[in-house]
C-alpha atoms as a PDB file:
ATOM      1  CA  MET A   1      -7.422 -33.513 -11.482  1.00  0.00           C
ATOM      2  CA  LYS A   2      -9.371 -36.656 -11.801  1.00  0.00           C
ATOM      3  CA  ASN A   3      -9.724 -39.094  -8.983  1.00  0.00           C
ATOM      4  CA  GLY A   4      -7.742 -41.969  -9.250  1.00  0.00           C
ATOM      5  CA  LYS A   5      -8.228 -45.657  -8.640  1.00  0.00           C
ATOM      6  CA  VAL A   6      -6.829 -49.240  -9.061  1.00  0.00           C
ATOM      7  CA  THR A   7      -8.487 -51.938 -10.831  1.00  0.00           C
ATOM      8  CA  LEU A   8      -7.258 -55.485 -10.182  1.00  0.00           C
ATOM      9  CA  LEU A   9      -7.837 -57.207 -13.394  1.00  0.00           C
ATOM     10  CA  SER A  10      -7.989 -61.089 -13.888  1.00  0.00           C
ATOM     11  CA  ALA A  11      -6.008 -61.543 -17.324  1.00  0.00           C
ATOM     12  CA  GLY A  12      -6.833 -65.328 -17.013  1.00  0.00           C
ATOM     13  CA  PRO A  13      -4.397 -68.054 -18.352  1.00  0.00           C
ATOM     14  CA  GLY A  14      -3.126 -66.744 -21.426  1.00  0.00           C
ATOM     15  CA  ALA A  15      -5.409 -66.535 -24.564  1.00  0.00           C
ATOM     16  CA  LEU A  16      -6.887 -63.073 -24.825  1.00  0.00           C
ATOM     17  CA  ASP A  17     -10.336 -64.504 -25.871  1.00  0.00           C
ATOM     18  CA  LEU A  18     -10.715 -65.779 -22.364  1.00  0.00           C
ATOM     19  CA  LEU A  19     -10.792 -62.264 -21.049  1.00  0.00           C
ATOM     20  CA  THR A  20     -14.307 -61.166 -19.810  1.00  0.00           C
ATOM     21  CA  LEU A  21     -15.972 -58.246 -21.724  1.00  0.00           C
ATOM     22  CA  ARG A  22     -15.832 -55.993 -18.749  1.00  0.00           C
ATOM     23  CA  ALA A  23     -11.799 -56.691 -18.532  1.00  0.00           C
ATOM     24  CA  ALA A  24     -11.607 -55.562 -22.104  1.00  0.00           C
ATOM     25  CA  ARG A  25     -13.538 -52.523 -21.635  1.00  0.00           C
ATOM     26  CA  VAL A  26     -11.546 -51.486 -18.410  1.00  0.00           C
ATOM     27  CA  LEU A  27      -8.327 -52.005 -20.280  1.00  0.00           C
ATOM     28  CA  GLY A  28      -9.316 -49.517 -23.036  1.00  0.00           C
ATOM     29  CA  GLU A  29      -9.777 -46.924 -20.016  1.00  0.00           C
ATOM     30  CA  ALA A  30      -6.576 -47.687 -18.360  1.00  0.00           C
ATOM     31  CA  ASP A  31      -3.688 -45.051 -17.997  1.00  0.00           C
ATOM     32  CA  VAL A  32      -1.364 -47.229 -16.342  1.00  0.00           C
ATOM     33  CA  LEU A  33      -0.834 -50.928 -16.772  1.00  0.00           C
ATOM     34  CA  LEU A  34       1.275 -53.041 -13.981  1.00  0.00           C
ATOM     35  CA  VAL A  35       1.448 -56.388 -15.812  1.00  0.00           C
ATOM     36  CA  ASP A  36       2.420 -59.576 -14.050  1.00  0.00           C
ATOM     37  CA  ASP A  37       5.169 -61.991 -15.742  1.00  0.00           C
ATOM     38  CA  LEU A  38       2.299 -64.784 -16.306  1.00  0.00           C
ATOM     39  CA  ALA A  39      -0.202 -62.584 -18.245  1.00  0.00           C
ATOM     40  CA  ASN A  40      -0.235 -62.499 -22.109  1.00  0.00           C
ATOM     41  CA  PRO A  41       2.005 -59.524 -23.139  1.00  0.00           C
ATOM     42  CA  GLU A  42      -0.301 -58.831 -25.873  1.00  0.00           C
ATOM     43  CA  ILE A  43      -3.082 -57.811 -23.513  1.00  0.00           C
ATOM     44  CA  ALA A  44      -1.176 -54.264 -23.790  1.00  0.00           C
ATOM     45  CA  THR A  45      -2.880 -53.977 -27.174  1.00  0.00           C
ATOM     46  CA  LEU A  46      -6.037 -53.899 -25.420  1.00  0.00           C
ATOM     47  CA  ALA A  47      -4.879 -50.705 -23.548  1.00  0.00           C
ATOM     48  CA  PRO A  48      -3.654 -48.237 -26.327  1.00  0.00           C
ATOM     49  CA  GLN A  49      -3.378 -45.302 -24.164  1.00  0.00           C
ATOM     50  CA  ALA A  50      -1.692 -46.663 -21.088  1.00  0.00           C
ATOM     51  CA  ARG A  51       1.663 -46.719 -19.847  1.00  0.00           C
ATOM     52  CA  VAL A  52       2.728 -50.364 -19.709  1.00  0.00           C
ATOM     53  CA  ILE A  53       5.089 -51.376 -16.739  1.00  0.00           C
ATOM     54  CA  ALA A  54       6.242 -55.176 -16.218  1.00  0.00           C
ATOM     55  CA  VAL A  55       6.135 -56.192 -12.789  1.00  0.00           C
ATOM     56  CA  GLY A  56       7.173 -59.738 -13.012  1.00  0.00           C
ATOM     57  CA  LYS A  57       6.556 -62.246 -10.377  1.00  0.00           C
ATOM     58  CA  ARG A  58       7.178 -66.059 -10.909  1.00  0.00           C
ATOM     59  CA  GLY A  59       8.172 -68.851  -8.482  1.00  0.00           C
ATOM     60  CA  GLY A  60      11.625 -69.553  -8.512  1.00  0.00           C
ATOM     61  CA  CYS A  61      12.730 -66.363 -10.781  1.00  0.00           C
ATOM     62  CA  ARG A  62      14.000 -63.008  -9.565  1.00  0.00           C
ATOM     63  CA  SER A  63      10.735 -61.133  -9.042  1.00  0.00           C
ATOM     64  CA  THR A  64       9.574 -57.389  -8.386  1.00  0.00           C
ATOM     65  CA  PRO A  65       9.163 -56.834  -4.464  1.00  0.00           C
ATOM     66  CA  GLN A  66       5.758 -56.790  -3.653  1.00  0.00           C
ATOM     67  CA  ALA A  67       6.133 -53.596  -1.701  1.00  0.00           C
ATOM     68  CA  PHE A  68       7.339 -51.869  -4.514  1.00  0.00           C
ATOM     69  CA  ILE A  69       4.090 -52.969  -6.521  1.00  0.00           C
ATOM     70  CA  GLU A  70       2.194 -51.669  -3.783  1.00  0.00           C
ATOM     71  CA  ARG A  71       3.840 -48.371  -3.667  1.00  0.00           C
ATOM     72  CA  LEU A  72       3.551 -47.938  -7.516  1.00  0.00           C
ATOM     73  CA  MET A  73      -0.156 -48.354  -7.499  1.00  0.00           C
ATOM     74  CA  CYS A  74      -0.671 -45.899  -4.752  1.00  0.00           C
ATOM     75  CA  ARG A  75       1.580 -43.295  -6.331  1.00  0.00           C
ATOM     76  CA  PHE A  76      -0.019 -43.451  -9.701  1.00  0.00           C
ATOM     77  CA  ALA A  77      -3.601 -43.504  -8.385  1.00  0.00           C
ATOM     78  CA  ARG A  78      -3.107 -40.446  -5.946  1.00  0.00           C
ATOM     79  CA  ARG A  79      -1.856 -38.637  -9.219  1.00  0.00           C
ATOM     80  CA  GLY A  80      -5.239 -39.306 -10.675  1.00  0.00           C
ATOM     81  CA  ALA A  81      -4.488 -42.296 -12.851  1.00  0.00           C
ATOM     82  CA  HIS A  82      -6.609 -45.304 -13.365  1.00  0.00           C
ATOM     83  CA  VAL A  83      -4.150 -47.938 -12.753  1.00  0.00           C
ATOM     84  CA  VAL A  84      -4.854 -51.632 -13.859  1.00  0.00           C
ATOM     85  CA  ARG A  85      -2.991 -54.289 -12.083  1.00  0.00           C
ATOM     86  CA  VAL A  86      -3.043 -57.076 -14.540  1.00  0.00           C
ATOM     87  CA  LYS A  87      -2.698 -60.455 -12.995  1.00  0.00           C
ATOM     88  CA  GLY A  88      -2.472 -63.930 -14.593  1.00  0.00           C
ATOM     89  CA  GLY A  89      -5.466 -66.337 -13.906  1.00  0.00           C
ATOM     90  CA  ASP A  90      -7.795 -64.982 -11.271  1.00  0.00           C
ATOM     91  CA  ALA A  91      -6.848 -62.000  -9.269  1.00  0.00           C
ATOM     92  CA  LEU A  92      -8.099 -63.618  -6.261  1.00  0.00           C
ATOM     93  CA  MET A  93      -6.614 -66.922  -6.492  1.00  0.00           C
ATOM     94  CA  PHE A  94      -3.012 -67.052  -5.213  1.00  0.00           C
ATOM     95  CA  GLY A  95      -2.289 -63.716  -6.704  1.00  0.00           C
ATOM     96  CA  ARG A  96      -1.503 -61.790  -3.541  1.00  0.00           C
ATOM     97  CA  ALA A  97      -4.594 -59.526  -4.080  1.00  0.00           C
ATOM     98  CA  GLY A  98      -5.391 -59.751  -0.250  1.00  0.00           C
ATOM     99  CA  GLU A  99      -2.145 -57.821   0.514  1.00  0.00           C
ATOM    100  CA  GLU A 100      -2.813 -55.513  -2.392  1.00  0.00           C
ATOM    101  CA  ILE A 101      -6.228 -54.880  -1.383  1.00  0.00           C
ATOM    102  CA  SER A 102      -5.231 -53.986   1.988  1.00  0.00           C
ATOM    103  CA  ALA A 103      -2.414 -51.610   1.064  1.00  0.00           C
ATOM    104  CA  LEU A 104      -4.656 -49.769  -1.115  1.00  0.00           C
ATOM    105  CA  ARG A 105      -7.252 -49.382   1.602  1.00  0.00           C
ATOM    106  CA  ARG A 106      -4.929 -48.042   3.929  1.00  0.00           C
ATOM    107  CA  ALA A 107      -3.519 -45.675   1.611  1.00  0.00           C
ATOM    108  CA  GLY A 108      -7.329 -44.563   0.711  1.00  0.00           C
ATOM    109  CA  VAL A 109      -7.105 -45.570  -2.833  1.00  0.00           C
ATOM    110  CA  PRO A 110     -10.471 -46.948  -4.347  1.00  0.00           C
ATOM    111  CA  VAL A 111      -9.904 -50.630  -5.680  1.00  0.00           C
ATOM    112  CA  ASP A 112     -12.379 -52.729  -8.106  1.00  0.00           C
ATOM    113  CA  ILE A 113     -11.939 -56.250  -8.996  1.00  0.00           C
ATOM    114  CA  ILE A 114     -12.650 -58.039 -11.969  1.00  0.00           C
ATOM    115  CA  ASN A 115     -12.920 -61.939 -12.067  1.00  0.00           C
ATOM    116  CA  GLY A 116     -11.279 -64.333 -14.566  1.00  0.00           C
ATOM    117  CA  VAL A 117     -10.536 -67.756 -15.351  1.00  0.00           C
ATOM    118  CA  SER A 118      -8.109 -69.315 -12.923  1.00  0.00           C
ATOM    119  CA  SER A 119      -5.540 -71.809 -14.183  1.00  0.00           C
ATOM    120  CA  ALA A 120      -7.139 -74.669 -12.430  1.00  0.00           C
ATOM    121  CA  PHE A 121     -10.295 -74.281 -14.440  1.00  0.00           C
ATOM    122  CA  ALA A 122      -8.322 -73.927 -17.666  1.00  0.00           C
ATOM    123  CA  ALA A 123      -6.431 -77.079 -16.612  1.00  0.00           C
ATOM    124  CA  ALA A 124      -9.626 -78.956 -16.252  1.00  0.00           C
ATOM    125  CA  ALA A 125     -11.146 -77.714 -19.411  1.00  0.00           C
ATOM    126  CA  GLY A 126      -8.166 -78.755 -21.434  1.00  0.00           C
ATOM    127  CA  LEU A 127      -8.393 -82.298 -19.937  1.00  0.00           C
ATOM    128  CA  GLY A 128     -12.074 -82.376 -20.782  1.00  0.00           C
ATOM    129  CA  MET A 129     -12.987 -83.174 -17.017  1.00  0.00           C
ATOM    130  CA  SER A 130     -15.337 -81.735 -14.088  1.00  0.00           C
ATOM    131  CA  LEU A 131     -13.369 -80.793 -11.162  1.00  0.00           C
ATOM    132  CA  THR A 132     -16.468 -81.402  -9.107  1.00  0.00           C
ATOM    133  CA  HIS A 133     -17.713 -84.792 -10.950  1.00  0.00           C
ATOM    134  CA  ARG A 134     -20.359 -85.964  -8.326  1.00  0.00           C
ATOM    135  CA  GLU A 135     -19.446 -89.636  -8.800  1.00  0.00           C
ATOM    136  CA  HIS A 136     -16.138 -88.937  -7.480  1.00  0.00           C
ATOM    137  CA  CYS A 137     -16.164 -86.261  -4.989  1.00  0.00           C
ATOM    138  CA  ALA A 138     -18.125 -83.692  -2.884  1.00  0.00           C
ATOM    139  CA  GLY A 139     -15.903 -80.537  -4.052  1.00  0.00           C
ATOM    140  CA  VAL A 140     -12.517 -79.224  -5.177  1.00  0.00           C
ATOM    141  CA  THR A 141      -9.766 -77.770  -2.957  1.00  0.00           C
ATOM    142  CA  PHE A 142      -7.417 -75.214  -4.294  1.00  0.00           C
ATOM    143  CA  VAL A 143      -4.158 -75.114  -2.767  1.00  0.00           C
ATOM    144  CA  THR A 144      -0.567 -73.935  -3.120  1.00  0.00           C
ATOM    145  CA  ALA A 145       2.192 -76.162  -2.552  1.00  0.00           C
ATOM    146  CA  HIS A 146       3.959 -73.640  -0.260  1.00  0.00           C
ATOM    147  CA  ARG A 147       3.007 -71.185   2.291  1.00  0.00           C
ATOM    148  CA  GLN A 148       4.628 -67.744   2.433  1.00  0.00           C
ATOM    149  CA  ASP A 149       7.166 -68.944   4.892  1.00  0.00           C
ATOM    150  CA  GLY A 150       7.953 -71.948   2.666  1.00  0.00           C
ATOM    151  CA  SER A 151       6.431 -74.488   4.639  1.00  0.00           C
ATOM    152  CA  ALA A 152       4.153 -77.236   2.862  1.00  0.00           C
ATOM    153  CA  PRO A 153       0.443 -77.627   3.470  1.00  0.00           C
ATOM    154  CA  ASN A 154      -1.038 -80.257   5.570  1.00  0.00           C
ATOM    155  CA  TRP A 155      -1.354 -82.802   2.878  1.00  0.00           C
ATOM    156  CA  ALA A 156      -2.601 -85.606   5.072  1.00  0.00           C
ATOM    157  CA  ALA A 157      -5.366 -83.389   5.965  1.00  0.00           C
ATOM    158  CA  LEU A 158      -6.114 -82.289   2.435  1.00  0.00           C
ATOM    159  CA  ALA A 159      -5.962 -86.115   1.215  1.00  0.00           C
ATOM    160  CA  ALA A 160      -8.637 -86.709   4.030  1.00  0.00           C
ATOM    161  CA  THR A 161     -11.079 -84.382   2.287  1.00  0.00           C
ATOM    162  CA  GLY A 162     -11.865 -86.582  -0.610  1.00  0.00           C
ATOM    163  CA  THR A 163     -11.917 -83.367  -2.736  1.00  0.00           C
ATOM    164  CA  THR A 164     -10.037 -83.127  -6.130  1.00  0.00           C
ATOM    165  CA  LEU A 165      -6.993 -81.188  -5.236  1.00  0.00           C
ATOM    166  CA  ALA A 166      -5.929 -78.483  -7.547  1.00  0.00           C
ATOM    167  CA  ILE A 167      -2.273 -77.833  -6.742  1.00  0.00           C
ATOM    168  CA  TYR A 168      -0.917 -74.297  -7.432  1.00  0.00           C
ATOM    169  CA  MET A 169       3.040 -74.003  -7.737  1.00  0.00           C
ATOM    170  CA  GLY A 170       3.519 -77.635  -6.950  1.00  0.00           C
ATOM    171  CA  LEU A 171       5.847 -78.821  -9.794  1.00  0.00           C
ATOM    172  CA  HIS A 172       9.136 -77.961  -7.967  1.00  0.00           C
ATOM    173  CA  ARG A 173       7.772 -80.104  -4.795  1.00  0.00           C
ATOM    174  CA  VAL A 174       6.363 -82.696  -6.844  1.00  0.00           C
ATOM    175  CA  GLU A 175       8.282 -85.472  -5.487  1.00  0.00           C
ATOM    176  CA  GLU A 176       7.625 -84.542  -1.794  1.00  0.00           C
ATOM    177  CA  LEU A 177       3.904 -83.857  -2.204  1.00  0.00           C
ATOM    178  CA  SER A 178       3.470 -86.943  -4.134  1.00  0.00           C
ATOM    179  CA  GLU A 179       5.381 -89.008  -1.614  1.00  0.00           C
ATOM    180  CA  THR A 180       3.043 -87.673   1.271  1.00  0.00           C
ATOM    181  CA  LEU A 181      -0.184 -88.012  -0.582  1.00  0.00           C
ATOM    182  CA  LEU A 182       0.734 -91.509  -1.179  1.00  0.00           C
ATOM    183  CA  ALA A 183       0.645 -92.417   2.732  1.00  0.00           C
ATOM    184  CA  HIS A 184      -3.010 -91.238   2.659  1.00  0.00           C
ATOM    185  CA  LEU A 185      -4.313 -92.256  -1.075  1.00  0.00           C
ATOM    186  CA  ASP A 186      -3.924 -95.271  -3.379  1.00  0.00           C
ATOM    187  CA  ALA A 187      -1.126 -94.993  -5.915  1.00  0.00           C
ATOM    188  CA  ALA A 188      -3.681 -95.839  -8.506  1.00  0.00           C
ATOM    189  CA  THR A 189      -5.413 -92.298  -7.689  1.00  0.00           C
ATOM    190  CA  PRO A 190      -5.906 -90.518 -11.008  1.00  0.00           C
ATOM    191  CA  ALA A 191      -3.720 -87.557 -11.376  1.00  0.00           C
ATOM    192  CA  GLY A 192      -3.139 -84.946 -14.022  1.00  0.00           C
ATOM    193  CA  ALA A 193      -0.437 -81.997 -15.152  1.00  0.00           C
ATOM    194  CA  VAL A 194      -1.193 -79.134 -17.491  1.00  0.00           C
ATOM    195  CA  GLN A 195       1.368 -76.715 -18.305  1.00  0.00           C
ATOM    196  CA  TRP A 196       0.359 -73.166 -19.692  1.00  0.00           C
ATOM    197  CA  ALA A 197      -3.210 -73.978 -19.058  1.00  0.00           C
ATOM    198  CA  GLY A 198      -5.780 -72.396 -21.474  1.00  0.00           C
ATOM    199  CA  SER A 199      -2.478 -70.972 -23.609  1.00  0.00           C
ATOM    200  CA  PRO A 200      -1.624 -71.658 -27.190  1.00  0.00           C
ATOM    201  CA  GLN A 201       1.442 -73.368 -25.506  1.00  0.00           C
ATOM    202  CA  GLU A 202      -0.588 -75.771 -23.275  1.00  0.00           C
ATOM    203  CA  ARG A 203       0.770 -79.273 -22.531  1.00  0.00           C
ATOM    204  CA  ARG A 204      -1.052 -82.000 -20.490  1.00  0.00           C
ATOM    205  CA  MET A 205      -1.142 -85.332 -19.251  1.00  0.00           C
ATOM    206  CA  VAL A 206      -2.854 -87.775 -17.209  1.00  0.00           C
ATOM    207  CA  THR A 207      -1.088 -90.596 -14.956  1.00  0.00           C
ATOM    208  CA  SER A 208      -1.588 -91.995 -11.498  1.00  0.00           C
ATOM    209  CA  LEU A 209      -0.269 -90.402  -8.500  1.00  0.00           C
ATOM    210  CA  GLY A 210       2.294 -93.353  -8.018  1.00  0.00           C
ATOM    211  CA  ARG A 211       3.603 -92.146 -11.222  1.00  0.00           C
ATOM    212  CA  LEU A 212       2.920 -88.358 -11.259  1.00  0.00           C
ATOM    213  CA  ALA A 213       6.510 -87.337 -10.079  1.00  0.00           C
ATOM    214  CA  ALA A 214       8.268 -89.506 -12.489  1.00  0.00           C
ATOM    215  CA  ASP A 215       6.053 -88.816 -15.512  1.00  0.00           C
ATOM    216  CA  VAL A 216       6.224 -85.014 -15.137  1.00  0.00           C
ATOM    217  CA  ARG A 217       9.847 -84.922 -14.894  1.00  0.00           C
ATOM    218  CA  ALA A 218      10.187 -87.432 -17.874  1.00  0.00           C
ATOM    219  CA  ALA A 219       8.036 -85.247 -20.157  1.00  0.00           C
ATOM    220  CA  GLY A 220       9.945 -82.124 -19.225  1.00  0.00           C
ATOM    221  CA  PHE A 221       6.968 -80.280 -17.574  1.00  0.00           C
ATOM    222  CA  ALA A 222       8.205 -76.842 -16.345  1.00  0.00           C
ATOM    223  CA  SER A 223       6.564 -73.742 -14.217  1.00  0.00           C
ATOM    224  CA  PRO A 224       3.474 -72.877 -14.575  1.00  0.00           C
ATOM    225  CA  THR A 225       1.895 -76.103 -14.298  1.00  0.00           C
ATOM    226  CA  ILE A 226      -1.185 -77.186 -12.411  1.00  0.00           C
ATOM    227  CA  LEU A 227      -1.432 -80.589 -10.776  1.00  0.00           C
ATOM    228  CA  LEU A 228      -4.850 -82.295 -10.347  1.00  0.00           C
ATOM    229  CA  VAL A 229      -5.355 -85.379  -8.071  1.00  0.00           C
ATOM    230  CA  GLY A 230      -8.235 -87.259  -7.262  1.00  0.00           C
ATOM    231  CA  GLY A 231     -11.037 -89.447  -8.856  1.00  0.00           C
ATOM    232  CA  ALA A 232     -12.538 -87.027 -11.179  1.00  0.00           C
ATOM    233  CA  VAL A 233      -9.243 -86.835 -12.968  1.00  0.00           C
ATOM    234  CA  GLY A 234     -10.177 -90.247 -14.103  1.00  0.00           C
ATOM    235  CA  GLU A 235     -12.608 -89.207 -16.359  1.00  0.00           C
ATOM    236  CA  ALA A 236      -9.895 -87.320 -18.447  1.00  0.00           C
ATOM    237  CA  ALA A 237      -8.307 -90.495 -18.584  1.00  0.00           C
ATOM    238  CA  LEU A 238     -11.315 -92.214 -20.018  1.00  0.00           C
ATOM    239  CA  ALA A 239     -11.321 -89.450 -22.682  1.00  0.00           C
ATOM    240  CA  ALA A 240      -7.606 -90.873 -23.756  1.00  0.00           C
ATOM    241  CA  VAL A 241      -5.994 -87.537 -23.155  1.00  0.00           C
ATOM    242  CA  GLU A 242      -2.161 -88.236 -24.014  1.00  0.00           C
ATOM    243  CA  PRO A 243       0.650 -86.352 -22.687  1.00  0.00           C
ATOM    244  CA  SER A 244       1.690 -83.898 -25.562  1.00  0.00           C
ATOM    245  CA  ALA A 245       1.849 -80.612 -26.609  1.00  0.00           C
ATOM    246  CA  ALA A 246      -1.353 -78.898 -27.446  1.00  0.00           C
ATOM    247  CA  VAL A 247      -2.160 -78.285 -31.073  1.00  0.00           C
ATOM    248  CA  GLY A 248       0.367 -75.715 -32.163  1.00  0.00           C
ATOM    249  CA  VAL A 249      -2.335 -72.961 -33.183  1.00  0.00           C
ATOM    250  CA  ASP A 250      -1.242 -69.356 -32.702  1.00  0.00           C
ATOM    251  CA  VAL A 251      -4.196 -67.961 -31.223  1.00  0.00           C
ATOM    252  CA  GLY A 252      -2.732 -64.829 -29.610  1.00  0.00           C
ATOM    253  CA  GLU A 253      -3.398 -62.330 -32.596  1.00  0.00           C
ATOM    254  CA  ALA A 254      -6.728 -64.105 -33.639  1.00  0.00           C
ATOM    255  CA  ALA A 255      -7.976 -63.691 -30.195  1.00  0.00           C
ATOM    256  CA  ALA A 256      -7.010 -60.030 -29.775  1.00  0.00           C
ATOM    257  CA  ASP A 257      -8.729 -59.294 -33.083  1.00  0.00           C
ATOM    258  CA  VAL A 258     -11.994 -61.023 -31.472  1.00  0.00           C
ATOM    259  CA  VAL A 259     -11.641 -59.248 -28.483  1.00  0.00           C
ATOM    260  CA  HIS A 260     -11.203 -55.746 -30.619  1.00  0.00           C
ATOM    261  CA  ASP A 261     -14.189 -56.718 -32.705  1.00  0.00           C
ATOM    262  CA  VAL A 262     -16.203 -57.155 -29.502  1.00  0.00           C
ATOM    263  CA  ILE A 263     -15.366 -53.991 -27.901  1.00  0.00           C
ATOM    264  CA  ALA A 264     -16.041 -52.154 -31.323  1.00  0.00           C
ATOM    265  CA  ARG A 265     -19.514 -53.566 -31.563  1.00  0.00           C
ATOM    266  CA  ALA A 266     -20.190 -52.444 -28.038  1.00  0.00           C
ATOM    267  CA  ALA A 267     -19.144 -49.114 -28.379  1.00  0.00           C
END
């Protein structure tokens, strides 16, 4: 029996043509796919021989228990399977990769990691802005709006960094986090919101911190949405990005065809 292993694969924010070539190759080698809810389901077309198991996890929704996912990975790998754990965005960015790596190491299961495009980068690209525009900031801070115990991060300390804040899973708490940030940042501070960043369903808007909560509610933004706050977001405003749905182009099948073609030429 062959030796099994697990690959934590970053599926990117949605469009299949944002996958890396390495990710596409490994998908073709997979025996089992454990697919996150936020990953494009068409990714399974790149793994024709694999058994596909949905292990959905999304904030505010019923989710597959993390411990069960870890047991599945270990079980299949111990049977000799190449398990590919398909995670939306980048696997190492708020994807519970740390917990899964620890569980696999404790079980003696080899694990590889394939990087990808995280949602904040896709959101910035959609807005046509740099997260680290040097005229506005000295860096970017990636932060989740709630810790494992449900508590909020130290927004005052984050505001004091002077960095662009890329806020994951913040939509449900946008009123609370905006109010706290407004105690430390000017209401005119540029802010943006991008829903389904990097996917065919992408929606985006540019506003101010003072209006962020009201504007995303009025526009009907829903999860998954990335919030961006800081002077660098003003560059997107200069580009006159309007709050609207992205052009309704179905890139799913086209992207899959591109990836299949690249794999065929590389073979």
